[in-house]
């Protein structure tokens, strides 16, 4: 089973940028589709972005499209989330998630993921 460790989040002003990373254990990272989710206080966990195992396919929530970019480096067993033009409503705990998938498969449903990171807090001040 894959184990995932997210980088530290942080506090950033509105309009700023932050990059999250998520490192995976094991030698089969290149066979995993990856996703980023977030959960704000009092709200349900929501989908943010997903990337296929090859990196060829990416999918974004409408709320972050054009501002966030998901990418991966299979040689480093790492997936990234570059967040630009951050807004206070982006404040949440961010989680990365993994599941096996074909080279062009992306997944937006949290219940279809097998492994989860511990979460990292991102706070955007106004």
C-alpha atoms as a PDB file:
ATOM      1  CA  UNK A   1       0.000   0.000   0.000  1.00  0.00           C
ATOM      2  CA  UNK A   2       1.317   3.407  -0.902  1.00  0.00           C
ATOM      3  CA  UNK A   3       2.178   5.864   1.864  1.00  0.00           C
ATOM      4  CA  UNK A   4       1.928   9.566   1.212  1.00  0.00           C
ATOM      5  CA  UNK A   5       3.556  12.486   3.006  1.00  0.00           C
ATOM      6  CA  UNK A   6       2.628  16.069   2.181  1.00  0.00           C
ATOM      7  CA  UNK A   7       4.946  19.000   2.569  1.00  0.00           C
ATOM      8  CA  UNK A   8       4.182  21.716   5.037  1.00  0.00           C
ATOM      9  CA  UNK A   9       1.558  24.193   3.959  1.00  0.00           C
ATOM     10  CA  UNK A  10       1.658  27.697   5.269  1.00  0.00           C
ATOM     11  CA  UNK A  11       0.189  31.115   5.682  1.00  0.00           C
ATOM     12  CA  UNK A  12       0.061  33.316   2.604  1.00  0.00           C
ATOM     13  CA  UNK A  13      -1.606  36.582   1.722  1.00  0.00           C
ATOM     14  CA  UNK A  14      -4.401  36.731  -0.789  1.00  0.00           C
ATOM     15  CA  UNK A  15      -2.989  36.880  -4.293  1.00  0.00           C
ATOM     16  CA  UNK A  16       0.102  34.963  -3.276  1.00  0.00           C
ATOM     17  CA  UNK A  17       1.399  31.562  -4.299  1.00  0.00           C
ATOM     18  CA  UNK A  18       2.288  28.331  -2.605  1.00  0.00           C
ATOM     19  CA  UNK A  19       3.448  24.947  -3.830  1.00  0.00           C
ATOM     20  CA  UNK A  20       2.526  21.741  -2.073  1.00  0.00           C
ATOM     21  CA  UNK A  21       4.294  18.475  -2.657  1.00  0.00           C
ATOM     22  CA  UNK A  22       3.357  14.928  -1.781  1.00  0.00           C
ATOM     23  CA  UNK A  23       5.988  12.214  -1.634  1.00  0.00           C
ATOM     24  CA  UNK A  24       4.986   8.582  -2.093  1.00  0.00           C
ATOM     25  CA  UNK A  25       6.704   5.459  -0.869  1.00  0.00           C
ATOM     26  CA  UNK A  26       7.296   2.378  -2.965  1.00  0.00           C
ATOM     27  CA  UNK A  27       8.468   1.603  -6.465  1.00  0.00           C
ATOM     28  CA  UNK A  28       5.108   1.675  -8.228  1.00  0.00           C
ATOM     29  CA  UNK A  29       4.329   5.375  -8.034  1.00  0.00           C
ATOM     30  CA  UNK A  30       4.217   5.608 -11.820  1.00  0.00           C
ATOM     31  CA  UNK A  31       1.188   3.314 -11.819  1.00  0.00           C
ATOM     32  CA  UNK A  32      -0.846   5.526  -9.497  1.00  0.00           C
ATOM     33  CA  UNK A  33      -3.327   8.196 -10.412  1.00  0.00           C
ATOM     34  CA  UNK A  34      -3.035  11.035  -7.908  1.00  0.00           C
ATOM     35  CA  UNK A  35      -5.400  13.632  -6.583  1.00  0.00           C
ATOM     36  CA  UNK A  36      -5.524  16.642  -4.311  1.00  0.00           C
ATOM     37  CA  UNK A  37      -8.486  17.330  -2.075  1.00  0.00           C
ATOM     38  CA  UNK A  38      -9.174  19.939   0.585  1.00  0.00           C
ATOM     39  CA  UNK A  39     -11.393  20.340   3.591  1.00  0.00           C
ATOM     40  CA  UNK A  40     -12.322  23.655   5.173  1.00  0.00           C
ATOM     41  CA  UNK A  41     -13.692  23.867   8.727  1.00  0.00           C
ATOM     42  CA  UNK A  42     -17.302  22.776   8.872  1.00  0.00           C
ATOM     43  CA  UNK A  43     -17.305  21.651   5.243  1.00  0.00           C
ATOM     44  CA  UNK A  44     -17.015  18.359   3.454  1.00  0.00           C
ATOM     45  CA  UNK A  45     -13.833  17.295   1.742  1.00  0.00           C
ATOM     46  CA  UNK A  46     -13.827  18.512  -1.841  1.00  0.00           C
ATOM     47  CA  UNK A  47     -11.951  17.638  -4.976  1.00  0.00           C
ATOM     48  CA  UNK A  48      -9.267  20.058  -6.152  1.00  0.00           C
ATOM     49  CA  UNK A  49      -7.225  18.438  -8.915  1.00  0.00           C
ATOM     50  CA  UNK A  50      -6.250  15.056 -10.342  1.00  0.00           C
ATOM     51  CA  UNK A  51      -3.514  13.732 -12.587  1.00  0.00           C
ATOM     52  CA  UNK A  52      -3.168  10.424 -14.357  1.00  0.00           C
ATOM     53  CA  UNK A  53      -0.316   8.018 -13.712  1.00  0.00           C
ATOM     54  CA  UNK A  54       1.575   9.177 -16.797  1.00  0.00           C
ATOM     55  CA  UNK A  55       0.808  12.844 -16.201  1.00  0.00           C
ATOM     56  CA  UNK A  56      -0.844  13.104 -19.594  1.00  0.00           C
ATOM     57  CA  UNK A  57      -4.325  13.782 -18.226  1.00  0.00           C
ATOM     58  CA  UNK A  58      -5.244  16.414 -15.648  1.00  0.00           C
ATOM     59  CA  UNK A  59      -8.544  17.550 -14.255  1.00  0.00           C
ATOM     60  CA  UNK A  60      -9.437  20.510 -12.061  1.00  0.00           C
ATOM     61  CA  UNK A  61     -12.330  21.706  -9.974  1.00  0.00           C
ATOM     62  CA  UNK A  62     -13.943  24.785 -11.463  1.00  0.00           C
ATOM     63  CA  UNK A  63     -13.064  26.771  -8.359  1.00  0.00           C
ATOM     64  CA  UNK A  64      -9.325  26.405  -8.970  1.00  0.00           C
ATOM     65  CA  UNK A  65      -9.121  26.142 -12.750  1.00  0.00           C
ATOM     66  CA  UNK A  66      -6.656  28.624 -14.152  1.00  0.00           C
ATOM     67  CA  UNK A  67      -5.067  29.236 -10.736  1.00  0.00           C
ATOM     68  CA  UNK A  68      -3.825  25.814  -9.618  1.00  0.00           C
ATOM     69  CA  UNK A  69      -1.624  23.372 -11.512  1.00  0.00           C
ATOM     70  CA  UNK A  70      -1.123  19.713 -10.655  1.00  0.00           C
ATOM     71  CA  UNK A  71       2.033  17.983 -11.855  1.00  0.00           C
ATOM     72  CA  UNK A  72       4.127  14.960 -11.031  1.00  0.00           C
ATOM     73  CA  UNK A  73       7.673  13.683 -11.233  1.00  0.00           C
ATOM     74  CA  UNK A  74       7.599   9.917 -11.375  1.00  0.00           C
ATOM     75  CA  UNK A  75      11.376   9.710 -10.998  1.00  0.00           C
ATOM     76  CA  UNK A  76      11.004  11.432  -7.610  1.00  0.00           C
ATOM     77  CA  UNK A  77       7.772   9.696  -6.574  1.00  0.00           C
ATOM     78  CA  UNK A  78       6.247  13.112  -6.027  1.00  0.00           C
ATOM     79  CA  UNK A  79       3.119  14.976  -7.028  1.00  0.00           C
ATOM     80  CA  UNK A  80       2.848  18.748  -6.775  1.00  0.00           C
ATOM     81  CA  UNK A  81       0.116  21.330  -6.487  1.00  0.00           C
ATOM     82  CA  UNK A  82       1.144  24.812  -7.553  1.00  0.00           C
ATOM     83  CA  UNK A  83      -1.356  27.324  -6.198  1.00  0.00           C
ATOM     84  CA  UNK A  84      -1.362  30.850  -7.590  1.00  0.00           C
ATOM     85  CA  UNK A  85      -3.660  33.826  -7.056  1.00  0.00           C
ATOM     86  CA  UNK A  86      -4.729  32.371  -3.744  1.00  0.00           C
ATOM     87  CA  UNK A  87      -7.980  33.526  -2.177  1.00  0.00           C
ATOM     88  CA  UNK A  88      -9.172  33.384   1.441  1.00  0.00           C
ATOM     89  CA  UNK A  89     -11.698  30.750   0.375  1.00  0.00           C
ATOM     90  CA  UNK A  90      -8.788  28.453  -0.527  1.00  0.00           C
ATOM     91  CA  UNK A  91      -8.053  28.139   3.191  1.00  0.00           C
ATOM     92  CA  UNK A  92      -8.329  24.468   4.101  1.00  0.00           C
ATOM     93  CA  UNK A  93      -6.434  21.339   5.002  1.00  0.00           C
ATOM     94  CA  UNK A  94      -5.087  19.894   1.769  1.00  0.00           C
ATOM     95  CA  UNK A  95      -4.721  16.156   1.217  1.00  0.00           C
ATOM     96  CA  UNK A  96      -3.080  14.147  -1.504  1.00  0.00           C
ATOM     97  CA  UNK A  97      -4.488  10.775  -2.475  1.00  0.00           C
ATOM     98  CA  UNK A  98      -3.514   7.826  -4.633  1.00  0.00           C
ATOM     99  CA  UNK A  99      -5.060   4.937  -6.479  1.00  0.00           C
ATOM    100  CA  UNK A 100      -3.922   2.699  -9.311  1.00  0.00           C
ATOM    101  CA  UNK A 101      -4.967   3.860 -12.733  1.00  0.00           C
ATOM    102  CA  UNK A 102      -4.171   3.641 -16.409  1.00  0.00           C
ATOM    103  CA  UNK A 103      -1.981   6.214 -18.085  1.00  0.00           C
ATOM    104  CA  UNK A 104      -4.884   8.519 -18.945  1.00  0.00           C
ATOM    105  CA  UNK A 105      -7.165   7.857 -15.955  1.00  0.00           C
ATOM    106  CA  UNK A 106      -8.084  10.616 -13.525  1.00  0.00           C
ATOM    107  CA  UNK A 107     -10.412  10.359 -10.532  1.00  0.00           C
ATOM    108  CA  UNK A 108     -12.490  13.065  -8.881  1.00  0.00           C
ATOM    109  CA  UNK A 109     -14.334  11.008  -6.265  1.00  0.00           C
ATOM    110  CA  UNK A 110     -12.614  10.765  -2.896  1.00  0.00           C
ATOM    111  CA  UNK A 111     -14.109   7.355  -2.100  1.00  0.00           C
ATOM    112  CA  UNK A 112     -12.290   5.838  -5.063  1.00  0.00           C
ATOM    113  CA  UNK A 113      -8.876   6.625  -3.651  1.00  0.00           C
ATOM    114  CA  UNK A 114      -6.976   4.000  -1.664  1.00  0.00           C
ATOM    115  CA  UNK A 115      -4.276   5.932   0.105  1.00  0.00           C
ATOM    116  CA  UNK A 116      -4.234   9.349   1.753  1.00  0.00           C
ATOM    117  CA  UNK A 117      -1.664  11.714   3.170  1.00  0.00           C
ATOM    118  CA  UNK A 118      -1.956  13.221   6.622  1.00  0.00           C
ATOM    119  CA  UNK A 119      -3.042  16.622   5.364  1.00  0.00           C
ATOM    120  CA  UNK A 120      -1.389  20.016   5.476  1.00  0.00           C
ATOM    121  CA  UNK A 121      -2.879  23.347   6.471  1.00  0.00           C
ATOM    122  CA  UNK A 122      -3.024  26.187   3.977  1.00  0.00           C
ATOM    123  CA  UNK A 123      -4.255  29.530   5.269  1.00  0.00           C
ATOM    124  CA  UNK A 124      -4.848  32.517   3.011  1.00  0.00           C
ATOM    125  CA  UNK A 125      -5.247  35.857   4.731  1.00  0.00           C
ATOM    126  CA  UNK A 126      -7.221  38.706   3.239  1.00  0.00           C
END
